[in-house]
C-alpha atoms as a PDB file:
ATOM      1  CA  UNK A   1     -24.231 -12.882   9.510  1.00  0.00           C
ATOM      2  CA  UNK A   2     -21.177 -11.425   7.788  1.00  0.00           C
ATOM      3  CA  UNK A   3     -17.899 -13.278   7.761  1.00  0.00           C
ATOM      4  CA  UNK A   4     -15.123 -11.050   9.174  1.00  0.00           C
ATOM      5  CA  UNK A   5     -12.016 -13.073   8.481  1.00  0.00           C
ATOM      6  CA  UNK A   6      -8.675 -11.294   8.662  1.00  0.00           C
ATOM      7  CA  UNK A   7      -7.375  -9.949   5.374  1.00  0.00           C
ATOM      8  CA  UNK A   8      -4.017 -11.560   6.144  1.00  0.00           C
ATOM      9  CA  UNK A   9      -3.105 -11.509   2.493  1.00  0.00           C
ATOM     10  CA  UNK A  10      -3.171  -7.727   2.171  1.00  0.00           C
ATOM     11  CA  UNK A  11       0.636  -7.566   2.411  1.00  0.00           C
ATOM     12  CA  UNK A  12       1.040 -10.247  -0.235  1.00  0.00           C
ATOM     13  CA  UNK A  13      -1.336  -8.397  -2.543  1.00  0.00           C
ATOM     14  CA  UNK A  14       0.544  -5.144  -1.941  1.00  0.00           C
ATOM     15  CA  UNK A  15       3.877  -6.842  -2.664  1.00  0.00           C
ATOM     16  CA  UNK A  16       2.559  -8.360  -5.894  1.00  0.00           C
ATOM     17  CA  UNK A  17       1.095  -5.005  -6.956  1.00  0.00           C
ATOM     18  CA  UNK A  18       4.447  -3.336  -6.285  1.00  0.00           C
ATOM     19  CA  UNK A  19       6.381  -5.992  -8.229  1.00  0.00           C
ATOM     20  CA  UNK A  20       4.045  -5.686 -11.210  1.00  0.00           C
ATOM     21  CA  UNK A  21       4.077  -1.876 -11.166  1.00  0.00           C
ATOM     22  CA  UNK A  22       7.867  -1.713 -10.749  1.00  0.00           C
ATOM     23  CA  UNK A  23       8.521  -4.180 -13.595  1.00  0.00           C
ATOM     24  CA  UNK A  24       6.352  -2.112 -15.938  1.00  0.00           C
ATOM     25  CA  UNK A  25       8.091   1.128 -14.909  1.00  0.00           C
ATOM     26  CA  UNK A  26      11.465  -0.395 -15.780  1.00  0.00           C
ATOM     27  CA  UNK A  27      10.258  -1.370 -19.260  1.00  0.00           C
ATOM     28  CA  UNK A  28       8.168   1.715 -20.059  1.00  0.00           C
ATOM     29  CA  UNK A  29       9.033   5.281 -19.008  1.00  0.00           C
ATOM     30  CA  UNK A  30       5.432   6.274 -19.678  1.00  0.00           C
ATOM     31  CA  UNK A  31       4.009   3.716 -17.264  1.00  0.00           C
ATOM     32  CA  UNK A  32       1.983   5.074 -14.343  1.00  0.00           C
ATOM     33  CA  UNK A  33      -0.421   4.068 -11.576  1.00  0.00           C
ATOM     34  CA  UNK A  34      -3.370   4.537 -13.880  1.00  0.00           C
ATOM     35  CA  UNK A  35      -2.003   1.957 -16.323  1.00  0.00           C
ATOM     36  CA  UNK A  36      -1.310  -0.463 -13.478  1.00  0.00           C
ATOM     37  CA  UNK A  37      -4.881  -0.059 -12.228  1.00  0.00           C
ATOM     38  CA  UNK A  38      -6.267  -0.731 -15.686  1.00  0.00           C
ATOM     39  CA  UNK A  39      -4.010  -3.759 -16.238  1.00  0.00           C
ATOM     40  CA  UNK A  40      -4.935  -5.266 -12.872  1.00  0.00           C
ATOM     41  CA  UNK A  41      -8.604  -4.255 -13.200  1.00  0.00           C
ATOM     42  CA  UNK A  42      -8.539  -2.348  -9.928  1.00  0.00           C
ATOM     43  CA  UNK A  43      -9.087   1.239  -8.879  1.00  0.00           C
ATOM     44  CA  UNK A  44      -6.295   3.793  -8.898  1.00  0.00           C
ATOM     45  CA  UNK A  45      -6.932   4.311  -5.186  1.00  0.00           C
ATOM     46  CA  UNK A  46      -6.392   0.652  -4.323  1.00  0.00           C
ATOM     47  CA  UNK A  47      -3.143   0.570  -6.319  1.00  0.00           C
ATOM     48  CA  UNK A  48      -1.990   3.759  -4.583  1.00  0.00           C
ATOM     49  CA  UNK A  49      -2.783   2.248  -1.180  1.00  0.00           C
ATOM     50  CA  UNK A  50      -0.846  -0.933  -1.981  1.00  0.00           C
ATOM     51  CA  UNK A  51       2.174   1.108  -3.068  1.00  0.00           C
ATOM     52  CA  UNK A  52       1.925   3.238   0.094  1.00  0.00           C
ATOM     53  CA  UNK A  53       1.834   0.102   2.255  1.00  0.00           C
ATOM     54  CA  UNK A  54       4.949  -1.317   0.598  1.00  0.00           C
ATOM     55  CA  UNK A  55       6.843   1.971   0.784  1.00  0.00           C
ATOM     56  CA  UNK A  56       6.120   2.187   4.514  1.00  0.00           C
ATOM     57  CA  UNK A  57       6.705  -1.553   5.051  1.00  0.00           C
ATOM     58  CA  UNK A  58      10.318  -1.298   3.927  1.00  0.00           C
ATOM     59  CA  UNK A  59      11.223   0.644   7.086  1.00  0.00           C
ATOM     60  CA  UNK A  60       8.404  -0.406   9.436  1.00  0.00           C
ATOM     61  CA  UNK A  61       7.992  -4.147   8.894  1.00  0.00           C
ATOM     62  CA  UNK A  62       7.345  -5.015  12.547  1.00  0.00           C
ATOM     63  CA  UNK A  63       4.614  -2.406  12.903  1.00  0.00           C
ATOM     64  CA  UNK A  64       2.685  -3.505   9.812  1.00  0.00           C
ATOM     65  CA  UNK A  65       3.068  -7.231  10.486  1.00  0.00           C
ATOM     66  CA  UNK A  66       0.809  -6.904  13.530  1.00  0.00           C
ATOM     67  CA  UNK A  67      -2.209  -5.851  11.453  1.00  0.00           C
ATOM     68  CA  UNK A  68      -4.715  -8.294   9.989  1.00  0.00           C
ATOM     69  CA  UNK A  69      -6.457  -5.867   7.665  1.00  0.00           C
ATOM     70  CA  UNK A  70      -5.249  -3.376   5.074  1.00  0.00           C
ATOM     71  CA  UNK A  71      -7.455  -0.631   6.524  1.00  0.00           C
ATOM     72  CA  UNK A  72      -5.680  -1.002   9.892  1.00  0.00           C
ATOM     73  CA  UNK A  73      -2.259  -0.686   8.275  1.00  0.00           C
ATOM     74  CA  UNK A  74      -3.370   2.319   6.233  1.00  0.00           C
ATOM     75  CA  UNK A  75      -4.795   4.012   9.325  1.00  0.00           C
ATOM     76  CA  UNK A  76      -1.485   3.476  11.132  1.00  0.00           C
ATOM     77  CA  UNK A  77       0.509   4.806   8.170  1.00  0.00           C
ATOM     78  CA  UNK A  78      -1.640   7.911   7.846  1.00  0.00           C
ATOM     79  CA  UNK A  79      -1.355   8.647  11.575  1.00  0.00           C
ATOM     80  CA  UNK A  80       2.427   8.239  11.364  1.00  0.00           C
ATOM     81  CA  UNK A  81       2.563  10.563   8.362  1.00  0.00           C
ATOM     82  CA  UNK A  82       0.474  13.211  10.117  1.00  0.00           C
ATOM     83  CA  UNK A  83       2.657  12.969  13.231  1.00  0.00           C
ATOM     84  CA  UNK A  84       5.748  13.394  11.047  1.00  0.00           C
ATOM     85  CA  UNK A  85       4.268  16.436   9.346  1.00  0.00           C
ATOM     86  CA  UNK A  86       3.464  18.054  12.684  1.00  0.00           C
ATOM     87  CA  UNK A  87       6.877  17.435  14.280  1.00  0.00           C
ATOM     88  CA  UNK A  88       8.452  20.319  12.384  1.00  0.00           C
ATOM     89  CA  UNK A  89       5.756  22.826  13.352  1.00  0.00           C
ATOM     90  CA  UNK A  90       6.525  25.085  16.325  1.00  0.00           C
END
């Protein structure tokens, strides 16, 4: 039987990823997500998702705090982005 414990630390991981990425950007104008992924030994996609979570978290803390898993937060963010894109379409 699989263990389905909440990924409660997804926000902490995203915050640490952001701090690392941001500190490297300040020191090196040529720094990018690809270099962060390589340095942290993670995929570019997972780094991108962490940065997306933190960007959204800054203005939507209460919404993201209710999620236990990163995939839930990402699903919510993507739905919110799609809704925002469609608002301007008549």
